[in-house]
């Protein structure tokens, strides 16, 4: 009878050891990192403006020059008029900039600005950074685009 209990205890000990090894391996595996924030509307860095960004024709096209619309509102919701806008960006994981030099070309009213000259030459994670100067002050916003 005593030898049966030894086998049972040994079996339980092995089971506990295996569970511990599996847990240790699981905890040491790299945890997935969340992808970039791909929201199309957000507050600027200093919360002076609410910005939204979308393709003018509603579809992101790889390899083609396209226009996007940047809409700016004040924190109170009023359209931002007469803003000076700079555009920069690139692919952070590839450490290179944009293949073109996008610019704000037209004010369309109601806080909407056309950004011309955007081109995504490859699939992956792109960033577009906007510097905004208006009567409320200067601020910036970054939009992530994943193709």
C-alpha atoms as a PDB file:
ATOM      1  CA  UNK A   1       0.000   0.000   0.000  1.00  0.00           C
ATOM      2  CA  UNK A   2       2.855   2.378   0.817  1.00  0.00           C
ATOM      3  CA  UNK A   3       4.415   1.917  -2.619  1.00  0.00           C
ATOM      4  CA  UNK A   4       1.176   2.973  -4.348  1.00  0.00           C
ATOM      5  CA  UNK A   5       1.191   6.257  -2.415  1.00  0.00           C
ATOM      6  CA  UNK A   6       4.815   6.831  -3.441  1.00  0.00           C
ATOM      7  CA  UNK A   7       3.820   6.436  -7.114  1.00  0.00           C
ATOM      8  CA  UNK A   8       0.846   8.766  -6.676  1.00  0.00           C
ATOM      9  CA  UNK A   9       2.982  11.434  -4.958  1.00  0.00           C
ATOM     10  CA  UNK A  10       5.702  11.075  -7.584  1.00  0.00           C
ATOM     11  CA  UNK A  11       3.098  11.468 -10.341  1.00  0.00           C
ATOM     12  CA  UNK A  12       1.651  14.579  -8.681  1.00  0.00           C
ATOM     13  CA  UNK A  13       5.151  15.995  -8.267  1.00  0.00           C
ATOM     14  CA  UNK A  14       5.886  15.464 -11.961  1.00  0.00           C
ATOM     15  CA  UNK A  15       2.566  17.071 -12.941  1.00  0.00           C
ATOM     16  CA  UNK A  16       3.332  20.137 -10.811  1.00  0.00           C
ATOM     17  CA  UNK A  17       6.836  20.331 -12.309  1.00  0.00           C
ATOM     18  CA  UNK A  18       5.447  20.157 -15.869  1.00  0.00           C
ATOM     19  CA  UNK A  19       2.855  22.860 -15.155  1.00  0.00           C
ATOM     20  CA  UNK A  20       5.631  25.064 -13.740  1.00  0.00           C
ATOM     21  CA  UNK A  21       7.815  24.554 -16.822  1.00  0.00           C
ATOM     22  CA  UNK A  22       4.945  25.319 -19.203  1.00  0.00           C
ATOM     23  CA  UNK A  23       4.050  28.473 -17.229  1.00  0.00           C
ATOM     24  CA  UNK A  24       7.685  29.650 -17.235  1.00  0.00           C
ATOM     25  CA  UNK A  25       7.993  29.125 -20.993  1.00  0.00           C
ATOM     26  CA  UNK A  26       4.716  30.972 -21.614  1.00  0.00           C
ATOM     27  CA  UNK A  27       5.776  33.935 -19.449  1.00  0.00           C
ATOM     28  CA  UNK A  28       9.118  34.191 -21.249  1.00  0.00           C
ATOM     29  CA  UNK A  29       7.574  34.328 -24.734  1.00  0.00           C
ATOM     30  CA  UNK A  30       7.554  37.799 -26.281  1.00  0.00           C
ATOM     31  CA  UNK A  31       4.206  39.463 -25.746  1.00  0.00           C
ATOM     32  CA  UNK A  32       2.526  40.919 -28.822  1.00  0.00           C
ATOM     33  CA  UNK A  33       2.823  44.681 -29.033  1.00  0.00           C
ATOM     34  CA  UNK A  34      -0.255  46.661 -29.961  1.00  0.00           C
ATOM     35  CA  UNK A  35      -0.256  48.164 -33.434  1.00  0.00           C
ATOM     36  CA  UNK A  36      -0.188  51.890 -34.074  1.00  0.00           C
ATOM     37  CA  UNK A  37      -3.256  54.027 -33.338  1.00  0.00           C
ATOM     38  CA  UNK A  38      -4.938  54.295 -36.749  1.00  0.00           C
ATOM     39  CA  UNK A  39      -7.798  56.544 -35.687  1.00  0.00           C
ATOM     40  CA  UNK A  40      -8.695  59.235 -38.196  1.00  0.00           C
ATOM     41  CA  UNK A  41      -9.822  61.787 -35.576  1.00  0.00           C
ATOM     42  CA  UNK A  42      -7.855  62.930 -32.548  1.00  0.00           C
ATOM     43  CA  UNK A  43      -6.810  65.867 -30.412  1.00  0.00           C
ATOM     44  CA  UNK A  44      -3.560  67.610 -31.265  1.00  0.00           C
ATOM     45  CA  UNK A  45      -0.569  67.181 -28.940  1.00  0.00           C
ATOM     46  CA  UNK A  46      -1.392  70.240 -26.773  1.00  0.00           C
ATOM     47  CA  UNK A  47      -5.164  69.809 -27.212  1.00  0.00           C
ATOM     48  CA  UNK A  48      -5.583  73.157 -28.972  1.00  0.00           C
ATOM     49  CA  UNK A  49      -7.376  71.549 -31.917  1.00  0.00           C
ATOM     50  CA  UNK A  50      -9.432  68.513 -32.883  1.00  0.00           C
ATOM     51  CA  UNK A  51      -8.142  67.088 -36.150  1.00  0.00           C
ATOM     52  CA  UNK A  52      -9.503  64.513 -38.560  1.00  0.00           C
ATOM     53  CA  UNK A  53      -7.847  63.157 -41.674  1.00  0.00           C
ATOM     54  CA  UNK A  54      -9.289  61.155 -44.576  1.00  0.00           C
ATOM     55  CA  UNK A  55      -8.618  60.413 -48.253  1.00  0.00           C
ATOM     56  CA  UNK A  56     -10.476  62.888 -50.438  1.00  0.00           C
ATOM     57  CA  UNK A  57     -11.881  60.072 -52.588  1.00  0.00           C
ATOM     58  CA  UNK A  58     -12.501  57.752 -49.638  1.00  0.00           C
ATOM     59  CA  UNK A  59      -9.960  55.091 -50.664  1.00  0.00           C
ATOM     60  CA  UNK A  60      -6.257  54.806 -49.850  1.00  0.00           C
ATOM     61  CA  UNK A  61      -4.355  54.028 -53.028  1.00  0.00           C
ATOM     62  CA  UNK A  62      -0.812  52.684 -52.971  1.00  0.00           C
ATOM     63  CA  UNK A  63       1.626  54.006 -55.587  1.00  0.00           C
ATOM     64  CA  UNK A  64      -0.536  56.944 -56.730  1.00  0.00           C
ATOM     65  CA  UNK A  65      -0.442  60.638 -55.900  1.00  0.00           C
ATOM     66  CA  UNK A  66      -3.556  61.500 -53.971  1.00  0.00           C
ATOM     67  CA  UNK A  67      -5.234  64.243 -51.994  1.00  0.00           C
ATOM     68  CA  UNK A  68      -6.445  63.950 -48.421  1.00  0.00           C
ATOM     69  CA  UNK A  69      -8.607  66.270 -46.330  1.00  0.00           C
ATOM     70  CA  UNK A  70      -7.467  67.581 -42.955  1.00  0.00           C
ATOM     71  CA  UNK A  71     -10.314  69.038 -40.899  1.00  0.00           C
ATOM     72  CA  UNK A  72      -9.434  71.266 -37.953  1.00  0.00           C
ATOM     73  CA  UNK A  73     -11.762  72.438 -35.208  1.00  0.00           C
ATOM     74  CA  UNK A  74     -10.984  74.331 -32.038  1.00  0.00           C
ATOM     75  CA  UNK A  75     -11.386  72.558 -28.717  1.00  0.00           C
ATOM     76  CA  UNK A  76     -14.807  74.270 -28.537  1.00  0.00           C
ATOM     77  CA  UNK A  77     -15.771  72.841 -31.954  1.00  0.00           C
ATOM     78  CA  UNK A  78     -15.442  75.951 -34.144  1.00  0.00           C
ATOM     79  CA  UNK A  79     -13.798  75.542 -37.584  1.00  0.00           C
ATOM     80  CA  UNK A  80     -10.155  76.667 -37.721  1.00  0.00           C
ATOM     81  CA  UNK A  81      -9.696  79.163 -40.540  1.00  0.00           C
ATOM     82  CA  UNK A  82      -6.496  80.591 -41.965  1.00  0.00           C
ATOM     83  CA  UNK A  83      -4.186  77.951 -40.496  1.00  0.00           C
ATOM     84  CA  UNK A  84      -0.617  77.525 -41.707  1.00  0.00           C
ATOM     85  CA  UNK A  85       0.002  73.789 -42.083  1.00  0.00           C
ATOM     86  CA  UNK A  86       3.262  71.907 -42.563  1.00  0.00           C
ATOM     87  CA  UNK A  87       3.397  68.234 -43.511  1.00  0.00           C
ATOM     88  CA  UNK A  88       6.112  65.656 -42.895  1.00  0.00           C
ATOM     89  CA  UNK A  89       6.258  61.951 -42.216  1.00  0.00           C
ATOM     90  CA  UNK A  90       7.527  58.622 -43.413  1.00  0.00           C
ATOM     91  CA  UNK A  91       7.820  54.986 -42.391  1.00  0.00           C
ATOM     92  CA  UNK A  92       9.063  54.730 -38.789  1.00  0.00           C
ATOM     93  CA  UNK A  93       9.963  51.044 -39.054  1.00  0.00           C
ATOM     94  CA  UNK A  94      12.017  51.625 -42.219  1.00  0.00           C
ATOM     95  CA  UNK A  95      13.546  54.898 -40.996  1.00  0.00           C
ATOM     96  CA  UNK A  96      12.808  56.856 -44.168  1.00  0.00           C
ATOM     97  CA  UNK A  97      10.689  59.855 -45.007  1.00  0.00           C
ATOM     98  CA  UNK A  98       7.918  60.406 -47.483  1.00  0.00           C
ATOM     99  CA  UNK A  99       8.712  59.940 -51.188  1.00  0.00           C
ATOM    100  CA  UNK A 100       6.924  63.231 -51.952  1.00  0.00           C
ATOM    101  CA  UNK A 101       6.514  66.635 -50.314  1.00  0.00           C
ATOM    102  CA  UNK A 102       2.818  66.945 -49.452  1.00  0.00           C
ATOM    103  CA  UNK A 103       1.443  70.440 -48.902  1.00  0.00           C
ATOM    104  CA  UNK A 104      -1.765  72.109 -47.811  1.00  0.00           C
ATOM    105  CA  UNK A 105      -2.962  73.608 -51.090  1.00  0.00           C
ATOM    106  CA  UNK A 106      -6.559  74.766 -50.549  1.00  0.00           C
ATOM    107  CA  UNK A 107      -8.829  75.917 -47.760  1.00  0.00           C
ATOM    108  CA  UNK A 108     -12.251  74.416 -48.543  1.00  0.00           C
ATOM    109  CA  UNK A 109     -14.226  76.100 -45.763  1.00  0.00           C
ATOM    110  CA  UNK A 110     -15.615  74.783 -42.494  1.00  0.00           C
ATOM    111  CA  UNK A 111     -12.094  74.003 -41.188  1.00  0.00           C
ATOM    112  CA  UNK A 112     -11.252  71.667 -44.114  1.00  0.00           C
ATOM    113  CA  UNK A 113      -7.874  71.801 -45.851  1.00  0.00           C
ATOM    114  CA  UNK A 114      -6.822  69.834 -48.944  1.00  0.00           C
ATOM    115  CA  UNK A 115      -3.431  68.155 -48.580  1.00  0.00           C
ATOM    116  CA  UNK A 116      -1.998  67.346 -52.029  1.00  0.00           C
ATOM    117  CA  UNK A 117       0.985  65.232 -53.017  1.00  0.00           C
ATOM    118  CA  UNK A 118       0.575  62.244 -50.684  1.00  0.00           C
ATOM    119  CA  UNK A 119       2.011  59.009 -52.061  1.00  0.00           C
ATOM    120  CA  UNK A 120       2.474  55.668 -50.310  1.00  0.00           C
ATOM    121  CA  UNK A 121       4.975  53.646 -52.337  1.00  0.00           C
ATOM    122  CA  UNK A 122       4.763  50.402 -50.353  1.00  0.00           C
ATOM    123  CA  UNK A 123       2.596  48.611 -47.858  1.00  0.00           C
ATOM    124  CA  UNK A 124       3.370  48.989 -44.172  1.00  0.00           C
ATOM    125  CA  UNK A 125       3.102  51.570 -41.397  1.00  0.00           C
ATOM    126  CA  UNK A 126       3.240  55.218 -42.483  1.00  0.00           C
ATOM    127  CA  UNK A 127       3.018  58.369 -40.368  1.00  0.00           C
ATOM    128  CA  UNK A 128       1.907  61.830 -41.431  1.00  0.00           C
ATOM    129  CA  UNK A 129       2.792  64.696 -39.074  1.00  0.00           C
ATOM    130  CA  UNK A 130       1.033  68.033 -39.302  1.00  0.00           C
ATOM    131  CA  UNK A 131       2.318  71.246 -37.781  1.00  0.00           C
ATOM    132  CA  UNK A 132      -0.567  73.668 -37.310  1.00  0.00           C
ATOM    133  CA  UNK A 133      -0.330  77.389 -36.620  1.00  0.00           C
ATOM    134  CA  UNK A 134      -3.552  79.376 -36.215  1.00  0.00           C
ATOM    135  CA  UNK A 135      -5.027  82.146 -34.088  1.00  0.00           C
ATOM    136  CA  UNK A 136      -5.412  79.732 -31.121  1.00  0.00           C
ATOM    137  CA  UNK A 137      -1.674  78.890 -31.207  1.00  0.00           C
ATOM    138  CA  UNK A 138       0.703  76.286 -32.618  1.00  0.00           C
ATOM    139  CA  UNK A 139       0.270  72.552 -32.198  1.00  0.00           C
ATOM    140  CA  UNK A 140       0.883  69.255 -33.991  1.00  0.00           C
ATOM    141  CA  UNK A 141      -0.787  65.938 -34.677  1.00  0.00           C
ATOM    142  CA  UNK A 142       0.419  62.593 -36.035  1.00  0.00           C
ATOM    143  CA  UNK A 143      -1.763  60.205 -38.015  1.00  0.00           C
ATOM    144  CA  UNK A 144      -0.781  56.570 -38.563  1.00  0.00           C
ATOM    145  CA  UNK A 145      -1.742  54.826 -41.782  1.00  0.00           C
ATOM    146  CA  UNK A 146      -1.238  51.088 -42.230  1.00  0.00           C
ATOM    147  CA  UNK A 147      -1.466  49.706 -45.766  1.00  0.00           C
END
